[in-house]
Amino acid sequence: MAQKILDIAHISFLDMINVILGQNGAASAKGVLIRNALNAANMVASTHFDTVEEYLASIPEMSNPIARVEGVSFHVKDGIFGLKSCPFAPSIKDYLEVFNRLPEGFQQITSEFNKPTLISNKLRIGEGAGVSPFCAVHQSIRSALGKKIEIAGRPLKIYQLGCKSSDGRLGLAIRWIEEAGVDQGIVMDILETHMCCYLIEHPGFNA
């Protein structure tokens, strides 16, 4: 059987994170990942939908910025979404095929990402919901893109509620779960079959 071609961009990206970690430490590496995500979000054009139904229809069509970044998410209820596959899974897989394991220091970046900061407060990310350094990229860009998507003239406000690592470990953002008024049990149920759970807060989801 022919071997799959490894994506060198995936391998280089993870190795770049490891280099920054080794040279400047976990906090700096986390900062670089978040800044890069926010810079990417800033280059995306604003998108407008008249109704929640239009927004939901745009997800399988991959015609809204969040779906184009993370793939197809599933609306469970009341603005709560589950994402079955992590968009960084292919990068991790390619890296592991070459190096057999992720750098040990990656956990340090994850721990830094979960610490309360001004940017995590602003974007409602981390706070326990990070399970890998890639969460710093994914959660940041999703929340930033939410500000550039309007439904009925109102931008989306996104809360990261929880994530699941590739080995099944759950990361719950208790602060954001409580602040958003979401039942923690619902988040845990969603993470049984999904890798990521977040809330889009918008009146249209509760109309």
N, C-alpha and C. Protein backbone atom coordinates (compact mmCIF):
# COMPACT_ATOMS: atom_id res chain seq x y z
N MET A 1 0.85 -1.20 0.00
CA MET A 1 0.00 0.00 0.00
C MET A 1 0.89 1.26 0.00
N ALA A 2 0.55 2.21 -0.85
CA ALA A 2 1.33 3.44 -0.92
C ALA A 2 1.20 4.25 0.36
N GLN A 3 2.29 4.84 0.78
CA GLN A 3 2.29 5.66 1.99
C GLN A 3 1.73 7.04 1.68
N LYS A 4 0.99 7.60 2.63
CA LYS A 4 0.45 8.96 2.48
C LYS A 4 1.59 9.97 2.54
N ILE A 5 1.52 10.97 1.69
CA ILE A 5 2.52 12.02 1.71
C ILE A 5 2.33 12.88 2.95
N LEU A 6 3.40 13.07 3.70
CA LEU A 6 3.33 13.91 4.89
C LEU A 6 3.33 15.37 4.47
N ASP A 7 2.54 16.17 5.16
CA ASP A 7 2.47 17.60 4.88
C ASP A 7 3.58 18.30 5.66
N ILE A 8 4.61 18.74 4.96
CA ILE A 8 5.76 19.35 5.62
C ILE A 8 5.37 20.64 6.32
N ALA A 9 4.30 21.31 5.84
CA ALA A 9 3.84 22.52 6.52
C ALA A 9 3.35 22.20 7.92
N HIS A 10 2.64 21.06 8.07
CA HIS A 10 2.18 20.64 9.39
C HIS A 10 3.37 20.41 10.32
N ILE A 11 4.35 19.67 9.83
CA ILE A 11 5.51 19.33 10.66
C ILE A 11 6.28 20.59 11.02
N SER A 12 6.46 21.47 10.05
CA SER A 12 7.22 22.71 10.30
C SER A 12 6.52 23.60 11.31
N PHE A 13 5.19 23.65 11.24
CA PHE A 13 4.43 24.49 12.17
C PHE A 13 4.64 24.04 13.61
N LEU A 14 4.51 22.74 13.84
CA LEU A 14 4.69 22.23 15.20
C LEU A 14 6.13 22.40 15.65
N ASP A 15 7.09 22.21 14.74
CA ASP A 15 8.49 22.37 15.12
C ASP A 15 8.80 23.83 15.42
N MET A 16 8.14 24.75 14.71
CA MET A 16 8.33 26.18 14.98
C MET A 16 7.86 26.51 16.39
N ILE A 17 6.72 25.94 16.79
CA ILE A 17 6.24 26.17 18.16
C ILE A 17 7.27 25.69 19.16
N ASN A 18 7.85 24.53 18.89
CA ASN A 18 8.84 23.96 19.80
C ASN A 18 10.09 24.84 19.88
N VAL A 19 10.50 25.42 18.77
CA VAL A 19 11.67 26.30 18.75
C VAL A 19 11.41 27.55 19.59
N ILE A 20 10.24 28.17 19.39
CA ILE A 20 9.90 29.36 20.17
C ILE A 20 9.86 29.03 21.66
N LEU A 21 9.29 27.87 21.97
CA LEU A 21 9.22 27.43 23.36
C LEU A 21 10.62 27.31 23.96
N GLY A 22 11.53 26.69 23.22
CA GLY A 22 12.88 26.49 23.72
C GLY A 22 13.66 27.78 23.87
N GLN A 23 13.42 28.72 22.98
CA GLN A 23 14.18 29.97 22.99
C GLN A 23 13.62 31.01 23.96
N ASN A 24 12.29 31.08 24.03
CA ASN A 24 11.66 32.19 24.76
C ASN A 24 10.72 31.77 25.88
N GLY A 25 10.44 30.48 26.01
CA GLY A 25 9.57 30.03 27.09
C GLY A 25 8.12 29.86 26.68
N ALA A 26 7.36 29.23 27.56
CA ALA A 26 5.97 28.87 27.26
C ALA A 26 5.06 30.08 27.11
N ALA A 27 5.25 31.08 27.96
CA ALA A 27 4.38 32.26 27.89
C ALA A 27 4.55 32.99 26.56
N SER A 28 5.79 33.09 26.11
CA SER A 28 6.06 33.75 24.83
C SER A 28 5.48 32.95 23.67
N ALA A 29 5.64 31.62 23.72
CA ALA A 29 5.10 30.78 22.66
C ALA A 29 3.59 30.91 22.58
N LYS A 30 2.93 30.91 23.74
CA LYS A 30 1.48 31.09 23.77
C LYS A 30 1.10 32.43 23.16
N GLY A 31 1.83 33.47 23.51
CA GLY A 31 1.54 34.80 22.99
C GLY A 31 1.66 34.87 21.48
N VAL A 32 2.69 34.22 20.93
CA VAL A 32 2.88 34.21 19.48
C VAL A 32 1.71 33.52 18.79
N LEU A 33 1.27 32.40 19.35
CA LEU A 33 0.16 31.66 18.75
C LEU A 33 -1.12 32.49 18.75
N ILE A 34 -1.41 33.15 19.87
CA ILE A 34 -2.63 33.96 19.94
C ILE A 34 -2.55 35.16 19.02
N ARG A 35 -1.41 35.84 19.00
CA ARG A 35 -1.27 37.01 18.13
C ARG A 35 -1.41 36.64 16.67
N ASN A 36 -0.81 35.52 16.28
CA ASN A 36 -0.93 35.09 14.88
C ASN A 36 -2.38 34.80 14.52
N ALA A 37 -3.11 34.18 15.46
CA ALA A 37 -4.52 33.87 15.22
C ALA A 37 -5.33 35.15 15.07
N LEU A 38 -5.08 36.12 15.93
CA LEU A 38 -5.83 37.38 15.87
C LEU A 38 -5.48 38.17 14.61
N ASN A 39 -4.22 38.13 14.20
CA ASN A 39 -3.83 38.81 12.96
C ASN A 39 -4.54 38.19 11.76
N ALA A 40 -4.65 36.87 11.76
CA ALA A 40 -5.35 36.19 10.67
C ALA A 40 -6.83 36.57 10.66
N ALA A 41 -7.44 36.63 11.83
CA ALA A 41 -8.85 37.00 11.92
C ALA A 41 -9.07 38.43 11.43
N ASN A 42 -8.13 39.31 11.70
CA ASN A 42 -8.27 40.71 11.29
C ASN A 42 -8.29 40.87 9.78
N MET A 43 -7.73 39.91 9.06
CA MET A 43 -7.68 40.01 7.59
C MET A 43 -8.94 39.47 6.92
N VAL A 44 -9.82 38.88 7.71
CA VAL A 44 -11.04 38.30 7.15
C VAL A 44 -12.13 39.37 7.05
N ALA A 45 -12.81 39.39 5.94
CA ALA A 45 -13.88 40.38 5.73
C ALA A 45 -15.07 40.08 6.63
N SER A 46 -15.78 41.11 7.02
CA SER A 46 -16.98 40.95 7.83
C SER A 46 -18.07 40.25 7.02
N THR A 47 -18.90 39.48 7.73
CA THR A 47 -19.98 38.72 7.09
C THR A 47 -21.29 39.02 7.80
N HIS A 48 -22.36 39.13 7.04
CA HIS A 48 -23.65 39.50 7.63
C HIS A 48 -24.72 38.47 7.25
N PHE A 49 -25.53 38.11 8.23
CA PHE A 49 -26.67 37.22 8.01
C PHE A 49 -27.92 37.90 8.57
N ASP A 50 -29.02 37.69 7.92
CA ASP A 50 -30.27 38.30 8.39
C ASP A 50 -30.86 37.54 9.57
N THR A 51 -30.69 36.20 9.58
CA THR A 51 -31.30 35.39 10.62
C THR A 51 -30.34 34.30 11.10
N VAL A 52 -30.64 33.73 12.26
CA VAL A 52 -29.89 32.58 12.76
C VAL A 52 -29.98 31.42 11.78
N GLU A 53 -31.15 31.24 11.18
CA GLU A 53 -31.33 30.15 10.23
C GLU A 53 -30.37 30.28 9.04
N GLU A 54 -30.16 31.51 8.58
CA GLU A 54 -29.21 31.72 7.49
C GLU A 54 -27.80 31.38 7.94
N TYR A 55 -27.46 31.76 9.17
CA TYR A 55 -26.13 31.44 9.69
C TYR A 55 -25.93 29.92 9.76
N LEU A 56 -26.91 29.22 10.32
CA LEU A 56 -26.80 27.76 10.45
C LEU A 56 -26.68 27.09 9.08
N ALA A 57 -27.41 27.60 8.09
CA ALA A 57 -27.34 27.03 6.75
C ALA A 57 -25.97 27.25 6.12
N SER A 58 -25.27 28.28 6.55
CA SER A 58 -23.95 28.58 5.97
C SER A 58 -22.86 27.65 6.48
N ILE A 59 -23.13 26.92 7.56
CA ILE A 59 -22.09 26.06 8.14
C ILE A 59 -21.77 24.88 7.23
N PRO A 60 -22.74 24.04 6.85
CA PRO A 60 -22.39 22.93 5.95
C PRO A 60 -21.93 23.40 4.58
N GLU A 61 -22.34 24.60 4.20
CA GLU A 61 -21.89 25.16 2.92
C GLU A 61 -20.48 25.73 3.02
N MET A 62 -19.96 25.80 4.24
CA MET A 62 -18.63 26.37 4.51
C MET A 62 -18.52 27.79 3.98
N SER A 63 -19.59 28.56 4.14
CA SER A 63 -19.61 29.91 3.59
C SER A 63 -19.63 30.98 4.66
N ASN A 64 -19.23 30.62 5.89
CA ASN A 64 -18.99 31.66 6.89
C ASN A 64 -17.58 31.48 7.44
N PRO A 65 -16.96 32.54 7.94
CA PRO A 65 -15.55 32.48 8.32
C PRO A 65 -15.21 31.41 9.35
N ILE A 66 -16.07 31.19 10.33
CA ILE A 66 -15.76 30.19 11.36
C ILE A 66 -15.74 28.80 10.76
N ALA A 67 -16.74 28.47 9.95
CA ALA A 67 -16.79 27.15 9.33
C ALA A 67 -15.58 26.93 8.42
N ARG A 68 -15.13 27.96 7.75
CA ARG A 68 -13.99 27.81 6.86
C ARG A 68 -12.70 27.55 7.64
N VAL A 69 -12.65 27.99 8.87
CA VAL A 69 -11.47 27.76 9.71
C VAL A 69 -11.51 26.40 10.38
N GLU A 70 -12.68 26.01 10.91
CA GLU A 70 -12.73 24.81 11.75
C GLU A 70 -13.50 23.64 11.15
N GLY A 71 -14.20 23.84 10.05
CA GLY A 71 -15.00 22.77 9.49
C GLY A 71 -16.44 22.85 9.98
N VAL A 72 -17.18 21.77 9.78
CA VAL A 72 -18.60 21.76 10.08
C VAL A 72 -18.84 21.48 11.56
N SER A 73 -19.46 22.43 12.22
CA SER A 73 -19.87 22.24 13.61
C SER A 73 -21.37 21.91 13.63
N PHE A 74 -21.83 21.42 14.78
CA PHE A 74 -23.22 20.99 14.90
C PHE A 74 -23.92 21.77 16.00
N HIS A 75 -25.05 22.37 15.64
CA HIS A 75 -25.80 23.14 16.61
C HIS A 75 -26.63 22.18 17.45
N VAL A 76 -26.32 22.07 18.72
CA VAL A 76 -27.03 21.16 19.62
C VAL A 76 -28.34 21.79 20.06
N LYS A 77 -28.26 22.96 20.69
CA LYS A 77 -29.45 23.72 21.05
C LYS A 77 -29.02 25.04 21.68
N ASP A 78 -29.89 26.04 21.61
CA ASP A 78 -29.71 27.32 22.31
C ASP A 78 -28.34 27.95 22.08
N GLY A 79 -27.81 27.81 20.88
CA GLY A 79 -26.52 28.42 20.56
C GLY A 79 -25.32 27.61 20.99
N ILE A 80 -25.53 26.41 21.51
CA ILE A 80 -24.43 25.54 21.92
C ILE A 80 -24.03 24.66 20.74
N PHE A 81 -22.74 24.66 20.42
CA PHE A 81 -22.23 23.93 19.27
C PHE A 81 -21.20 22.88 19.68
N GLY A 82 -21.17 21.81 18.92
CA GLY A 82 -20.14 20.79 19.08
C GLY A 82 -19.38 20.62 17.79
N LEU A 83 -18.07 20.40 17.90
CA LEU A 83 -17.21 20.19 16.73
C LEU A 83 -16.60 18.80 16.86
N LYS A 84 -16.88 17.93 15.89
CA LYS A 84 -16.46 16.54 16.01
C LYS A 84 -14.96 16.35 15.84
N SER A 85 -14.33 17.13 14.98
CA SER A 85 -12.91 16.94 14.69
C SER A 85 -12.13 18.22 14.94
N CYS A 86 -10.98 18.09 15.58
CA CYS A 86 -10.10 19.23 15.79
C CYS A 86 -9.45 19.59 14.45
N PRO A 87 -9.45 20.86 14.05
CA PRO A 87 -8.83 21.23 12.77
C PRO A 87 -7.32 21.00 12.75
N PHE A 88 -6.73 20.81 13.93
CA PHE A 88 -5.28 20.57 13.98
C PHE A 88 -4.93 19.09 14.04
N ALA A 89 -5.92 18.21 13.99
CA ALA A 89 -5.67 16.78 14.06
C ALA A 89 -4.72 16.31 12.95
N PRO A 90 -4.88 16.76 11.69
CA PRO A 90 -3.94 16.32 10.65
C PRO A 90 -2.50 16.76 10.93
N SER A 91 -2.33 17.98 11.48
CA SER A 91 -0.99 18.46 11.81
C SER A 91 -0.34 17.58 12.86
N ILE A 92 -1.12 17.25 13.89
CA ILE A 92 -0.59 16.41 14.97
C ILE A 92 -0.24 15.03 14.44
N LYS A 93 -1.11 14.47 13.60
CA LYS A 93 -0.88 13.13 13.05
C LYS A 93 0.41 13.09 12.23
N ASP A 94 0.61 14.08 11.37
CA ASP A 94 1.82 14.11 10.55
C ASP A 94 3.07 14.25 11.41
N TYR A 95 3.00 15.08 12.43
CA TYR A 95 4.15 15.27 13.31
C TYR A 95 4.50 13.97 14.05
N LEU A 96 3.48 13.29 14.54
CA LEU A 96 3.71 12.04 15.28
C LEU A 96 4.29 10.95 14.38
N GLU A 97 3.94 10.97 13.10
CA GLU A 97 4.49 9.97 12.20
C GLU A 97 6.00 10.15 12.02
N VAL A 98 6.48 11.36 12.21
CA VAL A 98 7.91 11.63 12.07
C VAL A 98 8.64 11.51 13.40
N PHE A 99 8.06 12.12 14.46
CA PHE A 99 8.78 12.23 15.74
C PHE A 99 8.23 11.31 16.83
N ASN A 100 7.14 10.60 16.54
CA ASN A 100 6.57 9.61 17.46
C ASN A 100 5.84 10.20 18.67
N ARG A 101 6.18 11.38 19.10
CA ARG A 101 5.49 12.00 20.22
C ARG A 101 5.61 13.52 20.11
N LEU A 102 4.67 14.20 20.74
CA LEU A 102 4.71 15.66 20.76
C LEU A 102 5.77 16.14 21.75
N PRO A 103 6.32 17.32 21.52
CA PRO A 103 7.32 17.85 22.47
C PRO A 103 6.78 17.93 23.88
N GLU A 104 7.59 17.58 24.85
CA GLU A 104 7.16 17.58 26.25
C GLU A 104 6.73 18.97 26.70
N GLY A 105 7.36 19.98 26.15
CA GLY A 105 7.06 21.35 26.57
C GLY A 105 5.71 21.85 26.13
N PHE A 106 5.02 21.11 25.25
CA PHE A 106 3.72 21.57 24.78
C PHE A 106 2.72 21.71 25.93
N GLN A 107 2.87 20.87 26.95
CA GLN A 107 1.97 20.96 28.10
C GLN A 107 2.17 22.28 28.84
N GLN A 108 3.39 22.80 28.82
CA GLN A 108 3.66 24.10 29.47
C GLN A 108 2.89 25.21 28.76
N ILE A 109 2.85 25.15 27.43
CA ILE A 109 2.11 26.16 26.68
C ILE A 109 0.63 26.06 26.99
N THR A 110 0.14 24.84 27.07
CA THR A 110 -1.28 24.63 27.39
C THR A 110 -1.61 25.21 28.76
N SER A 111 -0.73 24.98 29.73
CA SER A 111 -0.95 25.52 31.08
C SER A 111 -0.96 27.03 31.06
N GLU A 112 -0.08 27.63 30.29
CA GLU A 112 -0.05 29.10 30.18
C GLU A 112 -1.33 29.62 29.55
N PHE A 113 -1.81 28.90 28.54
CA PHE A 113 -3.02 29.33 27.86
C PHE A 113 -4.23 29.31 28.79
N ASN A 114 -4.26 28.37 29.72
CA ASN A 114 -5.41 28.25 30.62
C ASN A 114 -5.39 29.26 31.77
N LYS A 115 -4.30 30.00 31.92
CA LYS A 115 -4.23 31.01 32.98
C LYS A 115 -5.10 32.22 32.61
N PRO A 116 -5.76 32.84 33.58
CA PRO A 116 -6.55 34.04 33.30
C PRO A 116 -5.65 35.19 32.84
N THR A 117 -6.00 35.82 31.74
CA THR A 117 -5.26 36.98 31.23
C THR A 117 -6.26 37.98 30.65
N LEU A 118 -5.76 39.14 30.30
CA LEU A 118 -6.64 40.14 29.70
C LEU A 118 -7.23 39.66 28.39
N ILE A 119 -6.40 38.97 27.58
CA ILE A 119 -6.90 38.52 26.28
C ILE A 119 -7.87 37.35 26.43
N SER A 120 -7.63 36.45 27.39
CA SER A 120 -8.58 35.35 27.58
C SER A 120 -9.91 35.88 28.12
N ASN A 121 -9.85 36.93 28.95
CA ASN A 121 -11.09 37.56 29.43
C ASN A 121 -11.85 38.21 28.28
N LYS A 122 -11.11 38.86 27.39
CA LYS A 122 -11.74 39.57 26.28
C LYS A 122 -12.38 38.60 25.28
N LEU A 123 -11.71 37.48 25.04
CA LEU A 123 -12.18 36.53 24.02
C LEU A 123 -12.99 35.38 24.61
N ARG A 124 -12.99 35.25 25.94
CA ARG A 124 -13.71 34.16 26.63
C ARG A 124 -13.20 32.79 26.18
N ILE A 125 -11.89 32.62 26.32
CA ILE A 125 -11.20 31.40 25.91
C ILE A 125 -10.39 30.87 27.09
N GLY A 126 -9.80 29.69 26.91
CA GLY A 126 -8.93 29.14 27.96
C GLY A 126 -9.68 28.84 29.24
N GLU A 127 -9.10 29.23 30.37
CA GLU A 127 -9.72 29.02 31.69
C GLU A 127 -10.03 27.54 31.95
N GLY A 128 -9.15 26.67 31.44
CA GLY A 128 -9.34 25.24 31.63
C GLY A 128 -9.77 24.51 30.38
N ALA A 129 -10.24 25.25 29.37
CA ALA A 129 -10.73 24.61 28.15
C ALA A 129 -9.62 24.26 27.18
N GLY A 130 -8.39 24.68 27.46
CA GLY A 130 -7.28 24.33 26.59
C GLY A 130 -6.74 22.94 26.91
N VAL A 131 -6.60 22.10 25.89
CA VAL A 131 -6.03 20.76 26.09
C VAL A 131 -4.76 20.57 25.28
N SER A 132 -4.39 21.56 24.47
CA SER A 132 -3.14 21.52 23.71
C SER A 132 -2.79 22.94 23.29
N PRO A 133 -1.56 23.18 22.84
CA PRO A 133 -1.20 24.53 22.38
C PRO A 133 -2.07 25.01 21.22
N PHE A 134 -2.60 24.07 20.44
CA PHE A 134 -3.39 24.45 19.27
C PHE A 134 -4.72 25.08 19.66
N CYS A 135 -5.16 24.82 20.88
CA CYS A 135 -6.37 25.48 21.38
C CYS A 135 -6.16 26.99 21.43
N ALA A 136 -4.93 27.42 21.69
CA ALA A 136 -4.64 28.85 21.74
C ALA A 136 -4.90 29.50 20.39
N VAL A 137 -4.63 28.77 19.33
CA VAL A 137 -4.88 29.28 17.98
C VAL A 137 -6.37 29.19 17.64
N HIS A 138 -6.92 28.00 17.82
CA HIS A 138 -8.29 27.73 17.39
C HIS A 138 -9.31 28.58 18.16
N GLN A 139 -9.22 28.56 19.48
CA GLN A 139 -10.20 29.30 20.28
C GLN A 139 -10.08 30.80 20.05
N SER A 140 -8.85 31.28 19.88
CA SER A 140 -8.64 32.73 19.68
C SER A 140 -9.22 33.19 18.35
N ILE A 141 -8.93 32.45 17.29
CA ILE A 141 -9.40 32.89 15.98
C ILE A 141 -10.92 32.76 15.87
N ARG A 142 -11.50 31.74 16.50
CA ARG A 142 -12.96 31.60 16.44
C ARG A 142 -13.63 32.78 17.14
N SER A 143 -13.19 33.12 18.35
CA SER A 143 -13.81 34.23 19.07
C SER A 143 -13.61 35.55 18.34
N ALA A 144 -12.43 35.74 17.77
CA ALA A 144 -12.17 36.98 17.03
C ALA A 144 -13.02 37.05 15.77
N LEU A 145 -13.20 35.93 15.09
CA LEU A 145 -14.05 35.92 13.91
C LEU A 145 -15.51 36.18 14.27
N GLY A 146 -15.92 35.74 15.46
CA GLY A 146 -17.28 35.99 15.90
C GLY A 146 -17.63 37.47 15.90
N LYS A 147 -16.65 38.30 16.21
CA LYS A 147 -16.88 39.74 16.24
C LYS A 147 -17.07 40.31 14.83
N LYS A 148 -16.65 39.55 13.82
CA LYS A 148 -16.75 40.02 12.44
C LYS A 148 -17.94 39.40 11.71
N ILE A 149 -18.73 38.62 12.45
CA ILE A 149 -19.94 38.02 11.88
C ILE A 149 -21.15 38.63 12.58
N GLU A 150 -22.06 39.16 11.81
CA GLU A 150 -23.27 39.76 12.38
C GLU A 150 -24.51 38.97 11.94
N ILE A 151 -25.41 38.77 12.89
CA ILE A 151 -26.73 38.23 12.59
C ILE A 151 -27.74 39.29 12.99
N ALA A 152 -28.52 39.74 12.03
CA ALA A 152 -29.49 40.82 12.26
C ALA A 152 -28.82 42.05 12.85
N GLY A 153 -27.62 42.35 12.36
CA GLY A 153 -26.91 43.55 12.77
C GLY A 153 -26.17 43.45 14.09
N ARG A 154 -26.15 42.27 14.71
CA ARG A 154 -25.52 42.11 16.01
C ARG A 154 -24.38 41.09 15.91
N PRO A 155 -23.14 41.46 16.33
CA PRO A 155 -22.02 40.52 16.24
C PRO A 155 -22.17 39.35 17.20
N LEU A 156 -21.52 38.24 16.86
CA LEU A 156 -21.59 37.05 17.69
C LEU A 156 -20.66 37.19 18.90
N LYS A 157 -21.11 36.70 20.02
CA LYS A 157 -20.29 36.64 21.23
C LYS A 157 -20.08 35.17 21.56
N ILE A 158 -18.83 34.75 21.54
CA ILE A 158 -18.54 33.31 21.64
C ILE A 158 -17.85 32.99 22.97
N TYR A 159 -18.33 31.93 23.61
CA TYR A 159 -17.73 31.40 24.83
C TYR A 159 -17.17 30.01 24.55
N GLN A 160 -15.91 29.78 24.87
CA GLN A 160 -15.36 28.43 24.79
C GLN A 160 -15.76 27.69 26.07
N LEU A 161 -16.46 26.59 25.91
CA LEU A 161 -16.98 25.86 27.08
C LEU A 161 -16.12 24.66 27.47
N GLY A 162 -15.57 23.98 26.48
CA GLY A 162 -14.77 22.81 26.80
C GLY A 162 -14.14 22.19 25.57
N CYS A 163 -13.15 21.33 25.81
CA CYS A 163 -12.47 20.61 24.74
C CYS A 163 -12.10 19.22 25.23
N LYS A 164 -11.80 18.36 24.27
CA LYS A 164 -11.34 17.01 24.60
C LYS A 164 -10.05 16.73 23.86
N SER A 165 -9.05 16.21 24.56
CA SER A 165 -7.77 15.89 23.94
C SER A 165 -7.89 14.59 23.15
N SER A 166 -6.87 14.30 22.36
CA SER A 166 -6.88 13.09 21.54
C SER A 166 -6.89 11.82 22.38
N ASP A 167 -6.43 11.91 23.63
CA ASP A 167 -6.45 10.74 24.51
C ASP A 167 -7.70 10.70 25.41
N GLY A 168 -8.66 11.59 25.12
CA GLY A 168 -9.94 11.55 25.83
C GLY A 168 -10.04 12.39 27.08
N ARG A 169 -9.00 13.16 27.39
CA ARG A 169 -9.01 14.00 28.59
C ARG A 169 -9.86 15.25 28.34
N LEU A 170 -10.77 15.56 29.27
CA LEU A 170 -11.64 16.71 29.12
C LEU A 170 -11.02 17.96 29.75
N GLY A 171 -11.23 19.07 29.09
CA GLY A 171 -10.86 20.37 29.64
C GLY A 171 -12.09 21.25 29.66
N LEU A 172 -12.54 21.62 30.84
CA LEU A 172 -13.76 22.41 30.98
C LEU A 172 -13.43 23.82 31.46
N ALA A 173 -14.05 24.80 30.83
CA ALA A 173 -13.90 26.19 31.25
C ALA A 173 -15.04 26.52 32.21
N ILE A 174 -14.87 26.15 33.47
CA ILE A 174 -15.94 26.34 34.45
C ILE A 174 -16.37 27.79 34.52
N ARG A 175 -15.43 28.70 34.43
CA ARG A 175 -15.78 30.12 34.50
C ARG A 175 -16.73 30.51 33.38
N TRP A 176 -16.41 30.11 32.14
CA TRP A 176 -17.24 30.50 31.01
C TRP A 176 -18.55 29.73 30.99
N ILE A 177 -18.54 28.50 31.45
CA ILE A 177 -19.78 27.72 31.55
C ILE A 177 -20.76 28.41 32.49
N GLU A 178 -20.24 28.84 33.65
CA GLU A 178 -21.11 29.49 34.63
C GLU A 178 -21.53 30.86 34.16
N GLU A 179 -20.60 31.62 33.58
CA GLU A 179 -20.94 32.97 33.12
C GLU A 179 -21.98 32.94 32.00
N ALA A 180 -21.89 31.93 31.15
CA ALA A 180 -22.84 31.83 30.05
C ALA A 180 -24.15 31.18 30.48
N GLY A 181 -24.20 30.63 31.69
CA GLY A 181 -25.42 30.01 32.18
C GLY A 181 -25.74 28.69 31.52
N VAL A 182 -24.71 27.93 31.16
CA VAL A 182 -24.89 26.64 30.49
C VAL A 182 -24.75 25.51 31.52
N ASP A 183 -25.56 24.51 31.40
CA ASP A 183 -25.48 23.34 32.26
C ASP A 183 -24.20 22.56 31.95
N GLN A 184 -23.35 22.38 32.96
CA GLN A 184 -22.09 21.68 32.75
C GLN A 184 -22.30 20.26 32.22
N GLY A 185 -23.38 19.63 32.64
CA GLY A 185 -23.68 18.29 32.18
C GLY A 185 -23.89 18.22 30.68
N ILE A 186 -24.49 19.27 30.10
CA ILE A 186 -24.69 19.31 28.66
C ILE A 186 -23.35 19.37 27.94
N VAL A 187 -22.43 20.18 28.47
CA VAL A 187 -21.10 20.30 27.86
C VAL A 187 -20.39 18.94 27.88
N MET A 188 -20.46 18.26 29.02
CA MET A 188 -19.80 16.96 29.14
C MET A 188 -20.44 15.93 28.21
N ASP A 189 -21.74 15.99 28.07
CA ASP A 189 -22.43 15.07 27.15
C ASP A 189 -21.96 15.31 25.71
N ILE A 190 -21.86 16.57 25.32
CA ILE A 190 -21.42 16.91 23.97
C ILE A 190 -20.00 16.42 23.72
N LEU A 191 -19.15 16.56 24.73
CA LEU A 191 -17.74 16.16 24.57
C LEU A 191 -17.55 14.65 24.55
N GLU A 192 -18.58 13.90 24.83
CA GLU A 192 -18.47 12.44 24.68
C GLU A 192 -18.31 12.07 23.21
N THR A 193 -18.91 12.84 22.33
CA THR A 193 -18.88 12.52 20.90
C THR A 193 -18.26 13.63 20.05
N HIS A 194 -17.82 14.71 20.68
CA HIS A 194 -17.21 15.83 19.97
C HIS A 194 -15.89 16.20 20.65
N MET A 195 -15.06 16.92 19.90
CA MET A 195 -13.75 17.33 20.45
C MET A 195 -13.79 18.74 21.04
N CYS A 196 -14.81 19.50 20.70
CA CYS A 196 -14.84 20.90 21.11
C CYS A 196 -16.29 21.32 21.32
N CYS A 197 -16.53 22.18 22.32
CA CYS A 197 -17.87 22.67 22.61
C CYS A 197 -17.81 24.16 22.91
N TYR A 198 -18.65 24.93 22.25
CA TYR A 198 -18.67 26.37 22.48
C TYR A 198 -20.08 26.90 22.34
N LEU A 199 -20.25 28.10 22.85
CA LEU A 199 -21.55 28.77 22.81
C LEU A 199 -21.47 30.03 21.97
N ILE A 200 -22.42 30.21 21.08
CA ILE A 200 -22.61 31.50 20.42
C ILE A 200 -23.77 32.19 21.11
N GLU A 201 -23.48 33.29 21.77
CA GLU A 201 -24.52 34.03 22.48
C GLU A 201 -25.12 35.07 21.52
N HIS A 202 -26.38 34.88 21.22
CA HIS A 202 -27.10 35.81 20.33
C HIS A 202 -28.58 35.61 20.57
N PRO A 203 -29.36 36.70 20.67
CA PRO A 203 -30.80 36.57 20.96
C PRO A 203 -31.53 35.66 20.00
N GLY A 204 -31.06 35.56 18.77
CA GLY A 204 -31.73 34.74 17.77
C GLY A 204 -31.78 33.28 18.10
N PHE A 205 -30.83 32.80 18.92
CA PHE A 205 -30.81 31.39 19.27
C PHE A 205 -31.83 31.07 20.36
N ASN A 206 -32.35 32.08 20.99
CA ASN A 206 -33.32 31.87 22.07
C ASN A 206 -34.67 32.49 21.76
N ALA A 207 -34.87 32.83 20.50
CA ALA A 207 -36.12 33.49 20.10
C ALA A 207 -37.29 32.52 20.17
